[in-house]
Amino acid sequence: MTKRIEPEKQRESTLLLGLFVLFLFASPLTLWWAADDHPWFLPYLLWLLIILIGAWLRKRYRHYDL
């Protein structure tokens, strides 16, 4: 029997990813990762993480596309 995932789960996952982005880029945590002692490419790594999570979610819920 195949496991079916409801479309509501897809919306919840997208919402959680959006909240994670807000947490990373619009919170006091920004002061930590934007400090001078961190490498210059850290913001790019954070964006790469977000893109990879988004791609994983897209692949996971592909069968709900119209």
N, C-alpha and C. Protein backbone atom coordinates (compact mmCIF):
# COMPACT_ATOMS: atom_id res chain seq x y z
N MET A 1 0.84 -1.17 0.00
CA MET A 1 0.00 0.00 0.00
C MET A 1 0.89 1.24 0.00
N THR A 2 0.64 2.17 -0.91
CA THR A 2 1.45 3.37 -0.98
C THR A 2 0.98 4.40 0.03
N LYS A 3 1.91 5.14 0.51
CA LYS A 3 1.60 6.17 1.50
C LYS A 3 1.21 7.46 0.78
N ARG A 4 0.03 8.00 1.08
CA ARG A 4 -0.46 9.22 0.45
C ARG A 4 -0.22 10.40 1.40
N ILE A 5 0.27 11.48 0.85
CA ILE A 5 0.50 12.69 1.63
C ILE A 5 -0.53 13.73 1.17
N GLU A 6 -1.24 14.30 2.12
CA GLU A 6 -2.27 15.26 1.78
C GLU A 6 -1.65 16.58 1.30
N PRO A 7 -2.39 17.33 0.46
CA PRO A 7 -1.90 18.65 0.02
C PRO A 7 -1.70 19.62 1.18
N GLU A 8 -2.43 19.42 2.29
CA GLU A 8 -2.25 20.30 3.45
C GLU A 8 -0.84 20.17 4.00
N LYS A 9 -0.27 18.97 3.94
CA LYS A 9 1.10 18.78 4.41
C LYS A 9 2.08 19.58 3.57
N GLN A 10 1.80 19.67 2.26
CA GLN A 10 2.66 20.45 1.38
C GLN A 10 2.61 21.93 1.77
N ARG A 11 1.42 22.44 2.03
CA ARG A 11 1.29 23.84 2.44
C ARG A 11 1.97 24.09 3.78
N GLU A 12 1.83 23.15 4.70
CA GLU A 12 2.48 23.30 6.01
C GLU A 12 4.00 23.32 5.86
N SER A 13 4.52 22.46 5.01
CA SER A 13 5.97 22.41 4.81
C SER A 13 6.48 23.70 4.17
N THR A 14 5.74 24.23 3.22
CA THR A 14 6.12 25.49 2.58
C THR A 14 6.07 26.63 3.58
N LEU A 15 5.06 26.64 4.40
CA LEU A 15 4.95 27.67 5.43
C LEU A 15 6.10 27.57 6.43
N LEU A 16 6.44 26.38 6.84
CA LEU A 16 7.57 26.20 7.76
C LEU A 16 8.89 26.65 7.13
N LEU A 17 9.07 26.38 5.84
CA LEU A 17 10.28 26.84 5.16
C LEU A 17 10.31 28.37 5.13
N GLY A 18 9.17 29.00 4.87
CA GLY A 18 9.11 30.46 4.89
C GLY A 18 9.42 31.05 6.26
N LEU A 19 8.91 30.42 7.29
CA LEU A 19 9.21 30.88 8.64
C LEU A 19 10.69 30.68 8.98
N PHE A 20 11.28 29.61 8.49
CA PHE A 20 12.71 29.36 8.69
C PHE A 20 13.54 30.46 8.01
N VAL A 21 13.13 30.87 6.80
CA VAL A 21 13.82 31.95 6.09
C VAL A 21 13.71 33.25 6.88
N LEU A 22 12.52 33.55 7.38
CA LEU A 22 12.36 34.76 8.20
C LEU A 22 13.22 34.69 9.45
N PHE A 23 13.30 33.52 10.05
CA PHE A 23 14.11 33.35 11.25
C PHE A 23 15.59 33.59 10.94
N LEU A 24 16.06 33.11 9.80
CA LEU A 24 17.47 33.27 9.46
C LEU A 24 17.84 34.70 9.06
N PHE A 25 16.96 35.35 8.29
CA PHE A 25 17.35 36.62 7.68
C PHE A 25 16.65 37.85 8.26
N ALA A 26 15.73 37.70 9.18
CA ALA A 26 15.05 38.86 9.75
C ALA A 26 14.91 38.73 11.26
N SER A 27 15.92 38.23 11.90
CA SER A 27 15.88 38.07 13.35
C SER A 27 17.23 38.50 13.93
N PRO A 28 17.34 38.54 15.22
CA PRO A 28 18.63 38.86 15.83
C PRO A 28 19.73 37.85 15.47
N LEU A 29 19.33 36.70 14.96
CA LEU A 29 20.32 35.72 14.53
C LEU A 29 21.17 36.26 13.38
N THR A 30 20.65 37.23 12.65
CA THR A 30 21.39 37.84 11.54
C THR A 30 22.69 38.47 12.04
N LEU A 31 22.65 39.05 13.20
CA LEU A 31 23.87 39.66 13.75
C LEU A 31 24.95 38.62 13.99
N TRP A 32 24.56 37.42 14.32
CA TRP A 32 25.55 36.36 14.57
C TRP A 32 26.21 35.91 13.28
N TRP A 33 25.42 35.57 12.24
CA TRP A 33 26.05 35.04 11.04
C TRP A 33 26.65 36.13 10.15
N ALA A 34 26.30 37.40 10.40
CA ALA A 34 26.88 38.49 9.62
C ALA A 34 28.09 39.11 10.31
N ALA A 35 28.56 38.54 11.39
CA ALA A 35 29.71 39.08 12.11
C ALA A 35 30.97 38.99 11.26
N ASP A 36 31.93 39.82 11.57
CA ASP A 36 33.17 39.89 10.77
C ASP A 36 34.03 38.64 10.88
N ASP A 37 33.91 37.90 11.96
CA ASP A 37 34.78 36.74 12.13
C ASP A 37 34.28 35.50 11.38
N HIS A 38 33.14 35.58 10.73
CA HIS A 38 32.62 34.47 9.93
C HIS A 38 33.08 34.63 8.49
N PRO A 39 33.18 33.53 7.74
CA PRO A 39 33.62 33.64 6.35
C PRO A 39 32.62 34.44 5.50
N TRP A 40 33.11 35.06 4.44
CA TRP A 40 32.28 35.92 3.59
C TRP A 40 31.18 35.16 2.88
N PHE A 41 31.34 33.85 2.71
CA PHE A 41 30.38 33.08 1.94
C PHE A 41 29.28 32.45 2.80
N LEU A 42 29.24 32.74 4.08
CA LEU A 42 28.22 32.15 4.95
C LEU A 42 26.79 32.50 4.53
N PRO A 43 26.47 33.75 4.14
CA PRO A 43 25.09 34.02 3.67
C PRO A 43 24.74 33.20 2.43
N TYR A 44 25.72 32.97 1.56
CA TYR A 44 25.46 32.16 0.37
C TYR A 44 25.21 30.69 0.74
N LEU A 45 25.90 30.22 1.75
CA LEU A 45 25.64 28.85 2.22
C LEU A 45 24.25 28.73 2.83
N LEU A 46 23.81 29.76 3.54
CA LEU A 46 22.46 29.74 4.10
C LEU A 46 21.42 29.73 2.99
N TRP A 47 21.63 30.55 1.94
CA TRP A 47 20.69 30.54 0.81
C TRP A 47 20.71 29.19 0.10
N LEU A 48 21.90 28.58 -0.03
CA LEU A 48 21.99 27.26 -0.64
C LEU A 48 21.21 26.24 0.17
N LEU A 49 21.30 26.33 1.49
CA LEU A 49 20.52 25.43 2.36
C LEU A 49 19.02 25.60 2.11
N ILE A 50 18.57 26.84 2.01
CA ILE A 50 17.15 27.10 1.77
C ILE A 50 16.73 26.56 0.41
N ILE A 51 17.55 26.77 -0.61
CA ILE A 51 17.23 26.27 -1.95
C ILE A 51 17.18 24.75 -1.97
N LEU A 52 18.11 24.10 -1.29
CA LEU A 52 18.11 22.64 -1.25
C LEU A 52 16.89 22.09 -0.51
N ILE A 53 16.50 22.73 0.57
CA ILE A 53 15.30 22.29 1.29
C ILE A 53 14.07 22.49 0.40
N GLY A 54 14.00 23.63 -0.30
CA GLY A 54 12.89 23.87 -1.21
C GLY A 54 12.83 22.85 -2.34
N ALA A 55 14.00 22.49 -2.89
CA ALA A 55 14.04 21.48 -3.96
C ALA A 55 13.62 20.12 -3.43
N TRP A 56 14.03 19.81 -2.21
CA TRP A 56 13.64 18.53 -1.61
C TRP A 56 12.13 18.48 -1.40
N LEU A 57 11.55 19.60 -0.92
CA LEU A 57 10.10 19.65 -0.74
C LEU A 57 9.38 19.54 -2.08
N ARG A 58 9.91 20.18 -3.10
CA ARG A 58 9.31 20.11 -4.44
C ARG A 58 9.32 18.68 -4.97
N LYS A 59 10.44 17.99 -4.76
CA LYS A 59 10.53 16.61 -5.22
C LYS A 59 9.60 15.71 -4.42
N ARG A 60 9.49 15.97 -3.14
CA ARG A 60 8.66 15.13 -2.27
C ARG A 60 7.19 15.23 -2.61
N TYR A 61 6.73 16.44 -2.98
CA TYR A 61 5.32 16.67 -3.26
C TYR A 61 5.05 16.87 -4.74
N ARG A 62 5.86 16.30 -5.61
CA ARG A 62 5.74 16.48 -7.05
C ARG A 62 4.41 16.01 -7.60
N HIS A 63 3.84 14.95 -7.08
CA HIS A 63 2.62 14.40 -7.64
C HIS A 63 1.39 15.28 -7.34
N TYR A 64 1.54 16.37 -6.60
CA TYR A 64 0.42 17.27 -6.35
C TYR A 64 0.42 18.47 -7.29
N ASP A 65 1.43 18.56 -8.19
CA ASP A 65 1.45 19.64 -9.16
C ASP A 65 0.34 19.46 -10.17
N LEU A 66 -0.15 20.56 -10.69
CA LEU A 66 -1.21 20.50 -11.71
C LEU A 66 -0.62 20.49 -13.08
